[in-house]
C-alpha atoms as a PDB file:
ATOM      1  CA  MET A   1      -0.032   0.063  -0.058  1.00  0.00           C
ATOM      2  CA  SER A   2       0.784   2.967  -0.771  1.00  0.00           C
ATOM      3  CA  ILE A   3       2.330   5.538   1.929  1.00  0.00           C
ATOM      4  CA  LEU A   4      -0.261   8.369   0.600  1.00  0.00           C
ATOM      5  CA  ARG A   5      -3.363   5.485   0.250  1.00  0.00           C
ATOM      6  CA  HIS A   6      -2.319   4.369   3.900  1.00  0.00           C
ATOM      7  CA  GLN A   7      -2.087   8.106   5.455  1.00  0.00           C
ATOM      8  CA  ILE A   8      -5.387   8.631   3.776  1.00  0.00           C
ATOM      9  CA  ILE A   9      -7.514   5.579   5.193  1.00  0.00           C
ATOM     10  CA  CYS A  10      -5.919   6.772   8.414  1.00  0.00           C
ATOM     11  CA  LEU A  11      -6.958  10.491   8.344  1.00  0.00           C
ATOM     12  CA  PHE A  12     -10.868   9.020   7.992  1.00  0.00           C
ATOM     13  CA  LYS A  13     -10.510   6.177  10.444  1.00  0.00           C
ATOM     14  CA  ARG A  14      -9.283   8.920  12.418  1.00  0.00           C
ATOM     15  CA  PHE A  15     -12.139  11.308  11.441  1.00  0.00           C
ATOM     16  CA  ASN A  16     -14.636   8.406  12.466  1.00  0.00           C
ATOM     17  CA  MET A  17     -12.657   8.107  15.504  1.00  0.00           C
ATOM     18  CA  SER A  18     -13.034   4.516  14.964  1.00  0.00           C
ATOM     19  CA  THR A  19      -9.399   3.220  15.252  1.00  0.00           C
ATOM     20  CA  ILE A  20      -5.410   4.074  15.287  1.00  0.00           C
ATOM     21  CA  CYS A  21      -3.923   2.811  12.369  1.00  0.00           C
ATOM     22  CA  ARG A  22      -1.327   0.492  12.041  1.00  0.00           C
ATOM     23  CA  PRO A  23       2.065   2.109  11.168  1.00  0.00           C
ATOM     24  CA  ASN A  24       3.734   2.083   7.938  1.00  0.00           C
ATOM     25  CA  LYS A  25       7.059   0.258   6.973  1.00  0.00           C
ATOM     26  CA  HIS A  26       8.845   3.335   7.570  1.00  0.00           C
ATOM     27  CA  GLU A  27       7.938   4.037  10.943  1.00  0.00           C
ATOM     28  CA  SER A  28      10.039   1.263  12.624  1.00  0.00           C
ATOM     29  CA  ALA A  29      12.925  -0.902  11.508  1.00  0.00           C
ATOM     30  CA  GLU A  30      11.768  -4.058   9.991  1.00  0.00           C
ATOM     31  CA  TYR A  31      12.299  -6.313  13.019  1.00  0.00           C
ATOM     32  CA  TYR A  32       9.832  -4.831  14.866  1.00  0.00           C
ATOM     33  CA  PHE A  33       6.929  -5.802  12.792  1.00  0.00           C
ATOM     34  CA  THR A  34       7.468  -9.417  14.204  1.00  0.00           C
ATOM     35  CA  TYR A  35       6.240  -7.697  17.293  1.00  0.00           C
ATOM     36  CA  ILE A  36       3.591  -5.455  15.104  1.00  0.00           C
ATOM     37  CA  ASN A  37       1.962  -7.938  13.407  1.00  0.00           C
ATOM     38  CA  LYS A  38       1.221 -10.113  16.074  1.00  0.00           C
ATOM     39  CA  VAL A  39      -1.272  -7.454  17.126  1.00  0.00           C
ATOM     40  CA  SER A  40      -4.859  -8.578  15.412  1.00  0.00           C
ATOM     41  CA  ASP A  41      -6.278  -5.308  16.332  1.00  0.00           C
ATOM     42  CA  ASP A  42      -5.567  -1.549  14.874  1.00  0.00           C
ATOM     43  CA  ASN A  43      -6.703  -0.175  17.743  1.00  0.00           C
ATOM     44  CA  PHE A  44      -3.280  -1.195  19.776  1.00  0.00           C
ATOM     45  CA  ILE A  45      -4.152   0.506  23.015  1.00  0.00           C
ATOM     46  CA  LYS A  46      -7.590  -1.626  22.914  1.00  0.00           C
ATOM     47  CA  THR A  47      -5.107  -4.171  22.942  1.00  0.00           C
ATOM     48  CA  LEU A  48      -3.108  -3.415  25.820  1.00  0.00           C
ATOM     49  CA  LYS A  49      -6.049  -3.355  27.733  1.00  0.00           C
ATOM     50  CA  THR A  50      -7.662  -6.568  26.793  1.00  0.00           C
ATOM     51  CA  ASN A  51      -3.839  -8.032  26.895  1.00  0.00           C
ATOM     52  CA  VAL A  52      -3.680  -6.998  30.819  1.00  0.00           C
ATOM     53  CA  ALA A  53      -6.702  -8.593  31.919  1.00  0.00           C
ATOM     54  CA  ALA A  54      -5.992 -12.097  29.552  1.00  0.00           C
ATOM     55  CA  THR A  55      -2.215 -12.306  31.085  1.00  0.00           C
ATOM     56  CA  MET A  56      -3.256 -11.705  34.269  1.00  0.00           C
ATOM     57  CA  LYS A  57      -5.899 -14.239  34.595  1.00  0.00           C
ATOM     58  CA  PHE A  58      -3.833 -16.984  32.791  1.00  0.00           C
ATOM     59  CA  LEU A  59      -0.842 -15.723  35.326  1.00  0.00           C
ATOM     60  CA  GLU A  60      -2.650 -15.510  38.652  1.00  0.00           C
ATOM     61  CA  HIS A  61      -3.665 -19.154  37.907  1.00  0.00           C
ATOM     62  CA  LEU A  62       0.357 -20.727  37.389  1.00  0.00           C
ATOM     63  CA  PRO A  63       1.269 -23.251  40.298  1.00  0.00           C
ATOM     64  CA  LEU A  64       4.352 -21.631  42.128  1.00  0.00           C
ATOM     65  CA  PRO A  65       6.933 -24.376  40.393  1.00  0.00           C
ATOM     66  CA  LYS A  66       5.845 -22.991  37.285  1.00  0.00           C
ATOM     67  CA  TRP A  67       7.500 -19.600  37.469  1.00  0.00           C
ATOM     68  CA  GLU A  68      10.669 -20.816  38.161  1.00  0.00           C
ATOM     69  CA  TYR A  69      10.857 -23.428  35.080  1.00  0.00           C
ATOM     70  CA  ARG A  70      13.373 -23.522  32.498  1.00  0.00           C
ATOM     71  CA  TYR A  71      11.919 -25.304  29.464  1.00  0.00           C
ATOM     72  CA  ALA A  72      15.796 -25.862  28.491  1.00  0.00           C
ATOM     73  CA  PRO A  73      19.054 -24.692  29.843  1.00  0.00           C
ATOM     74  CA  GLY A  74      19.749 -20.742  29.200  1.00  0.00           C
ATOM     75  CA  LYS A  75      16.440 -20.040  29.171  1.00  0.00           C
ATOM     76  CA  TRP A  76      14.006 -17.860  31.176  1.00  0.00           C
ATOM     77  CA  THR A  77      12.286 -18.490  33.697  1.00  0.00           C
ATOM     78  CA  ILE A  78       8.343 -17.134  33.598  1.00  0.00           C
ATOM     79  CA  LYS A  79       9.235 -14.695  36.399  1.00  0.00           C
ATOM     80  CA  GLU A  80      12.388 -13.313  34.025  1.00  0.00           C
ATOM     81  CA  ILE A  81      10.107 -13.283  31.080  1.00  0.00           C
ATOM     82  CA  MET A  82       7.392 -11.009  33.002  1.00  0.00           C
ATOM     83  CA  ILE A  83      10.132  -8.717  34.306  1.00  0.00           C
ATOM     84  CA  HIS A  84      11.377  -8.599  30.540  1.00  0.00           C
ATOM     85  CA  ILE A  85       8.351  -7.141  29.606  1.00  0.00           C
ATOM     86  CA  ILE A  86       7.603  -4.881  32.286  1.00  0.00           C
ATOM     87  CA  ASP A  87      11.593  -3.703  31.161  1.00  0.00           C
ATOM     88  CA  THR A  88      10.856  -3.463  28.054  1.00  0.00           C
ATOM     89  CA  GLU A  89       7.510  -1.695  27.737  1.00  0.00           C
ATOM     90  CA  ARG A  90       9.064   1.023  30.014  1.00  0.00           C
ATOM     91  CA  ILE A  91      12.043   1.506  27.818  1.00  0.00           C
ATOM     92  CA  MET A  92       9.232   1.237  24.799  1.00  0.00           C
ATOM     93  CA  CYS A  93       7.302   4.163  26.342  1.00  0.00           C
ATOM     94  CA  TYR A  94      10.071   6.086  27.159  1.00  0.00           C
ATOM     95  CA  ARG A  95      11.323   6.215  23.337  1.00  0.00           C
ATOM     96  CA  ALA A  96       7.598   7.063  22.349  1.00  0.00           C
ATOM     97  CA  LEU A  97       7.694  10.148  24.344  1.00  0.00           C
ATOM     98  CA  ARG A  98      10.880  11.806  23.421  1.00  0.00           C
ATOM     99  CA  VAL A  99       9.578  10.624  20.129  1.00  0.00           C
ATOM    100  CA  ALA A 100       6.059  12.578  20.462  1.00  0.00           C
ATOM    101  CA  ARG A 101       7.855  15.522  22.165  1.00  0.00           C
ATOM    102  CA  LYS A 102      10.013  15.807  18.908  1.00  0.00           C
ATOM    103  CA  ASP A 103      12.877  15.179  20.795  1.00  0.00           C
ATOM    104  CA  LYS A 104      15.878  14.197  17.712  1.00  0.00           C
ATOM    105  CA  THR A 105      18.935  12.903  19.486  1.00  0.00           C
ATOM    106  CA  PRO A 106      18.953   9.447  18.491  1.00  0.00           C
ATOM    107  CA  MET A 107      18.242   6.914  20.960  1.00  0.00           C
ATOM    108  CA  PRO A 108      20.524   3.696  22.000  1.00  0.00           C
ATOM    109  CA  GLY A 109      19.421  -0.153  21.876  1.00  0.00           C
ATOM    110  CA  PHE A 110      19.153  -1.897  25.025  1.00  0.00           C
ATOM    111  CA  GLU A 111      20.513  -5.722  25.390  1.00  0.00           C
ATOM    112  CA  GLN A 112      17.617  -7.632  26.926  1.00  0.00           C
ATOM    113  CA  ASP A 113      19.761 -10.424  27.976  1.00  0.00           C
ATOM    114  CA  ASP A 114      22.059  -7.787  30.527  1.00  0.00           C
ATOM    115  CA  TYR A 115      18.884  -6.900  32.025  1.00  0.00           C
ATOM    116  CA  VAL A 116      17.582  -9.832  32.783  1.00  0.00           C
ATOM    117  CA  ALA A 117      20.876 -11.069  34.165  1.00  0.00           C
ATOM    118  CA  GLN A 118      20.592  -8.101  36.417  1.00  0.00           C
ATOM    119  CA  LEU A 119      16.645  -9.043  37.792  1.00  0.00           C
ATOM    120  CA  ASN A 120      17.667 -11.421  40.504  1.00  0.00           C
ATOM    121  CA  SER A 121      13.893 -12.616  40.204  1.00  0.00           C
ATOM    122  CA  THR A 122      14.087 -15.510  42.751  1.00  0.00           C
ATOM    123  CA  GLN A 123      14.165 -12.416  45.143  1.00  0.00           C
ATOM    124  CA  ARG A 124      10.875 -11.243  44.139  1.00  0.00           C
ATOM    125  CA  SER A 125       7.540 -12.556  44.786  1.00  0.00           C
ATOM    126  CA  ILE A 126       4.464 -13.160  42.487  1.00  0.00           C
ATOM    127  CA  ASP A 127       2.149 -10.609  43.246  1.00  0.00           C
ATOM    128  CA  SER A 128       5.299  -7.995  42.729  1.00  0.00           C
ATOM    129  CA  ILE A 129       5.795  -8.862  39.360  1.00  0.00           C
ATOM    130  CA  LEU A 130       2.231  -8.607  39.015  1.00  0.00           C
ATOM    131  CA  GLU A 131       1.286  -5.408  40.397  1.00  0.00           C
ATOM    132  CA  GLU A 132       4.345  -3.857  38.316  1.00  0.00           C
ATOM    133  CA  TYR A 133       2.908  -4.875  35.501  1.00  0.00           C
ATOM    134  CA  GLN A 134      -0.390  -3.583  36.208  1.00  0.00           C
ATOM    135  CA  THR A 135       1.352  -0.606  37.391  1.00  0.00           C
ATOM    136  CA  VAL A 136       3.534  -0.293  34.464  1.00  0.00           C
ATOM    137  CA  ARG A 137       0.269  -0.828  31.838  1.00  0.00           C
ATOM    138  CA  ALA A 138      -1.800   1.577  33.244  1.00  0.00           C
ATOM    139  CA  ALA A 139       0.709   4.271  32.809  1.00  0.00           C
ATOM    140  CA  SER A 140       1.473   2.978  29.127  1.00  0.00           C
ATOM    141  CA  VAL A 141      -2.532   3.226  28.341  1.00  0.00           C
ATOM    142  CA  SER A 142      -2.619   6.913  29.900  1.00  0.00           C
ATOM    143  CA  LEU A 143       0.560   7.603  27.837  1.00  0.00           C
ATOM    144  CA  PHE A 144      -0.622   6.633  24.421  1.00  0.00           C
ATOM    145  CA  LYS A 145      -4.659   7.760  24.958  1.00  0.00           C
ATOM    146  CA  ASN A 146      -3.295  10.722  25.269  1.00  0.00           C
ATOM    147  CA  PHE A 147      -1.194  11.724  22.603  1.00  0.00           C
ATOM    148  CA  THR A 148      -2.497  13.756  19.992  1.00  0.00           C
ATOM    149  CA  ASP A 149      -2.634  12.868  15.973  1.00  0.00           C
ATOM    150  CA  GLU A 150       0.965  14.776  15.377  1.00  0.00           C
ATOM    151  CA  GLU A 151       2.690  13.482  17.754  1.00  0.00           C
ATOM    152  CA  TYR A 152       1.897   9.779  16.764  1.00  0.00           C
ATOM    153  CA  GLN A 153       3.137  11.174  13.296  1.00  0.00           C
ATOM    154  CA  GLN A 154       7.039  12.019  14.844  1.00  0.00           C
ATOM    155  CA  ILE A 155       9.481  10.168  13.807  1.00  0.00           C
ATOM    156  CA  GLY A 156      12.403   9.669  15.966  1.00  0.00           C
ATOM    157  CA  THR A 157      15.811   7.039  15.818  1.00  0.00           C
ATOM    158  CA  ALA A 158      15.870   4.522  18.144  1.00  0.00           C
ATOM    159  CA  SER A 159      18.599   1.744  17.818  1.00  0.00           C
ATOM    160  CA  GLY A 160      19.687   3.113  14.484  1.00  0.00           C
ATOM    161  CA  HIS A 161      16.362   2.807  12.882  1.00  0.00           C
ATOM    162  CA  PRO A 162      13.518   5.343  12.343  1.00  0.00           C
ATOM    163  CA  ILE A 163      10.630   4.571  14.872  1.00  0.00           C
ATOM    164  CA  SER A 164       7.139   6.509  15.691  1.00  0.00           C
ATOM    165  CA  PRO A 165       5.271   6.090  18.614  1.00  0.00           C
ATOM    166  CA  ARG A 166       2.692   4.707  16.905  1.00  0.00           C
ATOM    167  CA  ALA A 167       5.224   1.938  16.045  1.00  0.00           C
ATOM    168  CA  LEU A 168       5.838   1.430  19.657  1.00  0.00           C
ATOM    169  CA  GLY A 169       2.432   1.186  21.449  1.00  0.00           C
ATOM    170  CA  PHE A 170       1.887  -2.063  18.504  1.00  0.00           C
ATOM    171  CA  ILE A 171       5.777  -2.834  19.585  1.00  0.00           C
ATOM    172  CA  ILE A 172       4.423  -3.064  23.192  1.00  0.00           C
ATOM    173  CA  ALA A 173       1.693  -4.884  22.340  1.00  0.00           C
ATOM    174  CA  GLY A 174       3.037  -7.527  19.993  1.00  0.00           C
ATOM    175  CA  HIS A 175       6.338  -8.381  22.170  1.00  0.00           C
ATOM    176  CA  GLU A 176       3.668  -9.545  25.196  1.00  0.00           C
ATOM    177  CA  ILE A 177       1.589 -11.354  22.602  1.00  0.00           C
ATOM    178  CA  HIS A 178       4.692 -13.463  21.534  1.00  0.00           C
ATOM    179  CA  HIS A 179       6.034 -13.910  24.867  1.00  0.00           C
ATOM    180  CA  LEU A 180       2.861 -15.141  26.265  1.00  0.00           C
ATOM    181  CA  THR A 181       2.680 -17.478  23.306  1.00  0.00           C
ATOM    182  CA  VAL A 182       5.812 -18.438  24.010  1.00  0.00           C
ATOM    183  CA  ILE A 183       5.111 -19.361  27.658  1.00  0.00           C
ATOM    184  CA  LYS A 184       2.047 -21.091  26.494  1.00  0.00           C
ATOM    185  CA  GLU A 185       3.609 -23.316  24.229  1.00  0.00           C
ATOM    186  CA  ARG A 186       6.880 -24.037  25.789  1.00  0.00           C
ATOM    187  CA  TYR A 187       6.161 -23.909  29.605  1.00  0.00           C
ATOM    188  CA  MET A 188       2.560 -25.771  30.395  1.00  0.00           C
ATOM    189  CA  ILE A 189       3.929 -29.047  29.664  1.00  0.00           C
END
């Protein structure tokens, strides 16, 4: 789809207040479309709200031993995955805020494995992780629902690639979908 055609469709949708449009290819590194494409709804804010309820319902019923389970050596535990989701969401929201406010300073990447190595997740209670997850998600939804159309259309640079606040919202939603799918497929045996 051409950029102009996509923009016209987005304007029509926004005029009708029905949805936030999906990001164009120029709004994110190709890699992130792995996550963006996991979001089935065009309104990622709706997906963020729906996912938090579904994720909480799923996680609240996990037996305690599952939280520390690794399906293979070197793989993360569910505690580590959840803290990784929280950390990543915070970083993506920070990026979205900077880009929306027209901060043109390039933002570096982050090494997820270095973050996970510093978690000390065995010392964290499940309740503290779930509380933090809900708190971060509520802050994310509040941030994104208050961006203007102009702010959503800003383009910044993160990890050496262009990025928009809209793409970052979809990335957050799709990143969570990705990890919950992995948990259900590989940890629930």
